[in-house]
Amino acid sequence: MINTVVRQIAFYSFEREVHVERKNGELTAERLGEIWREVQGESLGPAIELKPGYETFWTYIPHFIHSPFYVYAYAFGDCLVNSLYAVYERSEAGFAARYLDMLAAGGTKHHAELLAPFGLDARDPSFWQGGLSVIERLIDELEALEPAA
């Protein structure tokens, strides 16, 4: 989940920054690398050392070239599932039937229509907080584990 949500949001941030700067003119390979390192450094934090050469790692992600801004879909999907899980955790009866109905609809309905039976609205920030709180809880559990001897 961390990889899907945090990493993909960092990828989106990289793309957004590149496109914002590109409006002002041509970007050099060096500037693209700088943007990548800045965004990744912020995302990964001080625990991860970005070594020389890392500035070109953005080039291995084909979405940046072939499907610009597609990476948001990974974070969106993961947060959506986590938000549904948060509803499941506090639901009484009927969740499974609504969930199976949602799955049966496949791609025939807009996500707003699919989420409505669960009382979820992706336009509401609390929707996203529900999904992120699931990840936060898992991180807390991980941090609470004692290191192996």
C-alpha atoms as a PDB file:
ATOM      1  CA  MET A   1       0.000   0.000   0.000  1.00  0.00           C
ATOM      2  CA  ILE A   2       2.816   2.384   0.813  1.00  0.00           C
ATOM      3  CA  ASN A   3       4.400   1.672  -2.541  1.00  0.00           C
ATOM      4  CA  THR A   4       1.128   2.118  -4.380  1.00  0.00           C
ATOM      5  CA  VAL A   5      -0.102   5.239  -2.637  1.00  0.00           C
ATOM      6  CA  VAL A   6       2.981   7.164  -1.526  1.00  0.00           C
ATOM      7  CA  ARG A   7       5.142   6.239  -4.499  1.00  0.00           C
ATOM      8  CA  GLN A   8       2.466   6.911  -7.097  1.00  0.00           C
ATOM      9  CA  ILE A   9       1.585  10.250  -5.507  1.00  0.00           C
ATOM     10  CA  ALA A  10       5.279  11.153  -5.711  1.00  0.00           C
ATOM     11  CA  PHE A  11       5.259  10.121  -9.371  1.00  0.00           C
ATOM     12  CA  TYR A  12       2.235  12.344  -9.946  1.00  0.00           C
ATOM     13  CA  SER A  13       4.001  15.216  -8.156  1.00  0.00           C
ATOM     14  CA  PHE A  14       6.985  14.751 -10.458  1.00  0.00           C
ATOM     15  CA  GLU A  15       4.786  14.831 -13.553  1.00  0.00           C
ATOM     16  CA  ARG A  16       2.889  17.875 -12.346  1.00  0.00           C
ATOM     17  CA  GLU A  17       6.098  19.781 -11.591  1.00  0.00           C
ATOM     18  CA  VAL A  18       7.589  18.874 -14.969  1.00  0.00           C
ATOM     19  CA  HIS A  19       4.492  20.045 -16.843  1.00  0.00           C
ATOM     20  CA  VAL A  20       4.214  23.246 -14.807  1.00  0.00           C
ATOM     21  CA  GLU A  21       7.842  24.138 -15.573  1.00  0.00           C
ATOM     22  CA  ARG A  22       7.501  23.047 -19.205  1.00  0.00           C
ATOM     23  CA  LYS A  23       4.891  25.758 -19.739  1.00  0.00           C
ATOM     24  CA  ASN A  24       7.730  28.254 -19.327  1.00  0.00           C
ATOM     25  CA  GLY A  25       9.958  26.619 -21.912  1.00  0.00           C
ATOM     26  CA  GLU A  26      12.209  23.711 -22.730  1.00  0.00           C
ATOM     27  CA  LEU A  27      13.510  21.573 -19.854  1.00  0.00           C
ATOM     28  CA  THR A  28      17.016  20.187 -19.887  1.00  0.00           C
ATOM     29  CA  ALA A  29      17.830  16.615 -18.942  1.00  0.00           C
ATOM     30  CA  GLU A  30      19.605  18.032 -15.901  1.00  0.00           C
ATOM     31  CA  ARG A  31      16.494  19.912 -14.768  1.00  0.00           C
ATOM     32  CA  LEU A  32      14.314  16.828 -15.192  1.00  0.00           C
ATOM     33  CA  GLY A  33      16.765  14.945 -12.980  1.00  0.00           C
ATOM     34  CA  GLU A  34      16.714  17.724 -10.392  1.00  0.00           C
ATOM     35  CA  ILE A  35      12.929  17.680 -10.252  1.00  0.00           C
ATOM     36  CA  TRP A  36      12.957  13.888  -9.871  1.00  0.00           C
ATOM     37  CA  ARG A  37      15.479  14.007  -7.007  1.00  0.00           C
ATOM     38  CA  GLU A  38      13.619  16.838  -5.244  1.00  0.00           C
ATOM     39  CA  VAL A  39      10.258  15.081  -5.372  1.00  0.00           C
ATOM     40  CA  GLN A  40      11.660  11.676  -4.489  1.00  0.00           C
ATOM     41  CA  GLY A  41      13.745  13.133  -1.656  1.00  0.00           C
ATOM     42  CA  GLU A  42      10.646  14.740  -0.184  1.00  0.00           C
ATOM     43  CA  SER A  43       8.620  11.547  -0.618  1.00  0.00           C
ATOM     44  CA  LEU A  44      11.211   9.101   0.711  1.00  0.00           C
ATOM     45  CA  GLY A  45      12.543  11.254   3.509  1.00  0.00           C
ATOM     46  CA  PRO A  46      15.955  11.229   5.130  1.00  0.00           C
ATOM     47  CA  ALA A  47      16.071   7.462   5.731  1.00  0.00           C
ATOM     48  CA  ILE A  48      16.730   6.761   2.039  1.00  0.00           C
ATOM     49  CA  GLU A  49      19.989   7.933   0.499  1.00  0.00           C
ATOM     50  CA  LEU A  50      19.604   8.967  -3.134  1.00  0.00           C
ATOM     51  CA  LYS A  51      22.946   8.111  -4.697  1.00  0.00           C
ATOM     52  CA  PRO A  52      24.493   9.643  -7.816  1.00  0.00           C
ATOM     53  CA  GLY A  53      22.738   8.389 -10.917  1.00  0.00           C
ATOM     54  CA  TYR A  54      19.330   8.272  -9.243  1.00  0.00           C
ATOM     55  CA  GLU A  55      18.326  11.442 -11.096  1.00  0.00           C
ATOM     56  CA  THR A  56      17.724   9.357 -14.240  1.00  0.00           C
ATOM     57  CA  PHE A  57      15.497   6.723 -12.606  1.00  0.00           C
ATOM     58  CA  TRP A  58      12.377   8.542 -13.776  1.00  0.00           C
ATOM     59  CA  THR A  59      13.147   7.271 -17.296  1.00  0.00           C
ATOM     60  CA  TYR A  60      12.264   3.668 -16.426  1.00  0.00           C
ATOM     61  CA  ILE A  61       8.601   4.590 -15.809  1.00  0.00           C
ATOM     62  CA  PRO A  62       6.852   4.295 -19.182  1.00  0.00           C
ATOM     63  CA  HIS A  63       3.653   6.002 -17.966  1.00  0.00           C
ATOM     64  CA  PHE A  64       5.447   9.357 -17.955  1.00  0.00           C
ATOM     65  CA  ILE A  65       5.950   9.077 -21.718  1.00  0.00           C
ATOM     66  CA  HIS A  66       3.115   6.884 -22.987  1.00  0.00           C
ATOM     67  CA  SER A  67       0.253   7.659 -20.562  1.00  0.00           C
ATOM     68  CA  PRO A  68       0.863  11.004 -18.870  1.00  0.00           C
ATOM     69  CA  PHE A  69      -0.820  11.406 -15.474  1.00  0.00           C
ATOM     70  CA  TYR A  70      -1.977   7.792 -15.455  1.00  0.00           C
ATOM     71  CA  VAL A  71      -0.143   7.040 -12.208  1.00  0.00           C
ATOM     72  CA  TYR A  72      -2.908   8.704 -10.161  1.00  0.00           C
ATOM     73  CA  ALA A  73      -5.102   5.662 -10.923  1.00  0.00           C
ATOM     74  CA  TYR A  74      -2.984   3.427  -8.698  1.00  0.00           C
ATOM     75  CA  ALA A  75      -3.298   5.686  -5.653  1.00  0.00           C
ATOM     76  CA  PHE A  76      -6.973   6.341  -6.405  1.00  0.00           C
ATOM     77  CA  GLY A  77      -7.756   2.624  -6.616  1.00  0.00           C
ATOM     78  CA  ASP A  78      -5.815   1.732  -3.490  1.00  0.00           C
ATOM     79  CA  CYS A  79      -7.394   4.534  -1.438  1.00  0.00           C
ATOM     80  CA  LEU A  80     -10.832   3.610  -2.771  1.00  0.00           C
ATOM     81  CA  VAL A  81     -10.397   0.003  -1.652  1.00  0.00           C
ATOM     82  CA  ASN A  82      -9.048   1.101   1.723  1.00  0.00           C
ATOM     83  CA  SER A  83     -11.979   3.480   2.190  1.00  0.00           C
ATOM     84  CA  LEU A  84     -14.352   0.630   1.415  1.00  0.00           C
ATOM     85  CA  TYR A  85     -12.471  -1.518   3.926  1.00  0.00           C
ATOM     86  CA  ALA A  86     -12.884   1.195   6.557  1.00  0.00           C
ATOM     87  CA  VAL A  87     -16.661   1.105   5.906  1.00  0.00           C
ATOM     88  CA  TYR A  88     -16.594  -2.681   6.134  1.00  0.00           C
ATOM     89  CA  GLU A  89     -14.853  -2.557   9.517  1.00  0.00           C
ATOM     90  CA  ARG A  90     -17.641  -0.482  11.049  1.00  0.00           C
ATOM     91  CA  SER A  91     -20.580  -1.851   9.047  1.00  0.00           C
ATOM     92  CA  GLU A  92     -23.408  -3.905  10.374  1.00  0.00           C
ATOM     93  CA  ALA A  93     -25.229  -6.181   7.946  1.00  0.00           C
ATOM     94  CA  GLY A  94     -25.498  -5.749   4.204  1.00  0.00           C
ATOM     95  CA  PHE A  95     -21.953  -4.728   3.295  1.00  0.00           C
ATOM     96  CA  ALA A  96     -21.186  -7.973   1.442  1.00  0.00           C
ATOM     97  CA  ALA A  97     -24.307  -7.723  -0.731  1.00  0.00           C
ATOM     98  CA  ARG A  98     -23.581  -4.083  -1.640  1.00  0.00           C
ATOM     99  CA  TYR A  99     -19.947  -4.976  -2.347  1.00  0.00           C
ATOM    100  CA  LEU A 100     -20.905  -7.868  -4.620  1.00  0.00           C
ATOM    101  CA  ASP A 101     -23.364  -5.577  -6.453  1.00  0.00           C
ATOM    102  CA  MET A 102     -20.548  -3.065  -6.965  1.00  0.00           C
ATOM    103  CA  LEU A 103     -18.236  -5.752  -8.337  1.00  0.00           C
ATOM    104  CA  ALA A 104     -20.986  -7.103 -10.612  1.00  0.00           C
ATOM    105  CA  ALA A 105     -21.399  -3.637 -12.126  1.00  0.00           C
ATOM    106  CA  GLY A 106     -17.804  -3.803 -13.352  1.00  0.00           C
ATOM    107  CA  GLY A 107     -16.932  -0.731 -15.385  1.00  0.00           C
ATOM    108  CA  THR A 108     -20.543   0.069 -16.296  1.00  0.00           C
ATOM    109  CA  LYS A 109     -20.981   2.823 -13.690  1.00  0.00           C
ATOM    110  CA  HIS A 110     -19.110   5.931 -12.611  1.00  0.00           C
ATOM    111  CA  HIS A 111     -17.251   5.550  -9.319  1.00  0.00           C
ATOM    112  CA  ALA A 112     -19.614   8.059  -7.662  1.00  0.00           C
ATOM    113  CA  GLU A 113     -22.563   5.784  -8.411  1.00  0.00           C
ATOM    114  CA  LEU A 114     -20.675   2.702  -7.227  1.00  0.00           C
ATOM    115  CA  LEU A 115     -19.690   4.330  -3.919  1.00  0.00           C
ATOM    116  CA  ALA A 116     -23.108   5.825  -3.083  1.00  0.00           C
ATOM    117  CA  PRO A 117     -24.568   2.641  -1.474  1.00  0.00           C
ATOM    118  CA  PHE A 118     -21.665   2.740   0.996  1.00  0.00           C
ATOM    119  CA  GLY A 119     -22.251   6.386   1.905  1.00  0.00           C
ATOM    120  CA  LEU A 120     -18.934   7.352   0.295  1.00  0.00           C
ATOM    121  CA  ASP A 121     -18.226  10.369  -1.882  1.00  0.00           C
ATOM    122  CA  ALA A 122     -14.774  10.667  -3.473  1.00  0.00           C
ATOM    123  CA  ARG A 123     -15.209  14.463  -3.593  1.00  0.00           C
ATOM    124  CA  ASP A 124     -15.276  14.556   0.210  1.00  0.00           C
ATOM    125  CA  PRO A 125     -11.825  14.744   1.851  1.00  0.00           C
ATOM    126  CA  SER A 126     -13.020  12.381   4.594  1.00  0.00           C
ATOM    127  CA  PHE A 127     -13.355   9.685   1.914  1.00  0.00           C
ATOM    128  CA  TRP A 128      -9.613   9.858   1.314  1.00  0.00           C
ATOM    129  CA  GLN A 129      -8.863  10.116   5.022  1.00  0.00           C
ATOM    130  CA  GLY A 130     -10.732   6.852   5.570  1.00  0.00           C
ATOM    131  CA  GLY A 131      -8.438   5.074   3.120  1.00  0.00           C
ATOM    132  CA  LEU A 132      -5.289   6.759   4.365  1.00  0.00           C
ATOM    133  CA  SER A 133      -6.175   5.926   7.973  1.00  0.00           C
ATOM    134  CA  VAL A 134      -6.087   2.226   7.079  1.00  0.00           C
ATOM    135  CA  ILE A 135      -2.515   2.657   5.817  1.00  0.00           C
ATOM    136  CA  GLU A 136      -1.601   4.786   8.833  1.00  0.00           C
ATOM    137  CA  ARG A 137      -2.848   2.055  11.180  1.00  0.00           C
ATOM    138  CA  LEU A 138      -0.760  -0.557   9.372  1.00  0.00           C
ATOM    139  CA  ILE A 139       2.335   1.650   9.609  1.00  0.00           C
ATOM    140  CA  ASP A 140       1.707   2.132  13.336  1.00  0.00           C
ATOM    141  CA  GLU A 141       1.434  -1.640  13.765  1.00  0.00           C
ATOM    142  CA  LEU A 142       4.665  -2.144  11.832  1.00  0.00           C
ATOM    143  CA  GLU A 143       6.517   0.465  13.886  1.00  0.00           C
ATOM    144  CA  ALA A 144       5.279  -1.148  17.110  1.00  0.00           C
ATOM    145  CA  LEU A 145       6.862  -4.488  16.235  1.00  0.00           C
ATOM    146  CA  GLU A 146       9.976  -5.219  18.182  1.00  0.00           C
ATOM    147  CA  PRO A 147      13.073  -5.843  16.114  1.00  0.00           C
ATOM    148  CA  ALA A 148      14.135  -9.479  15.806  1.00  0.00           C
ATOM    149  CA  ALA A 149      17.021 -10.409  18.061  1.00  0.00           C
END
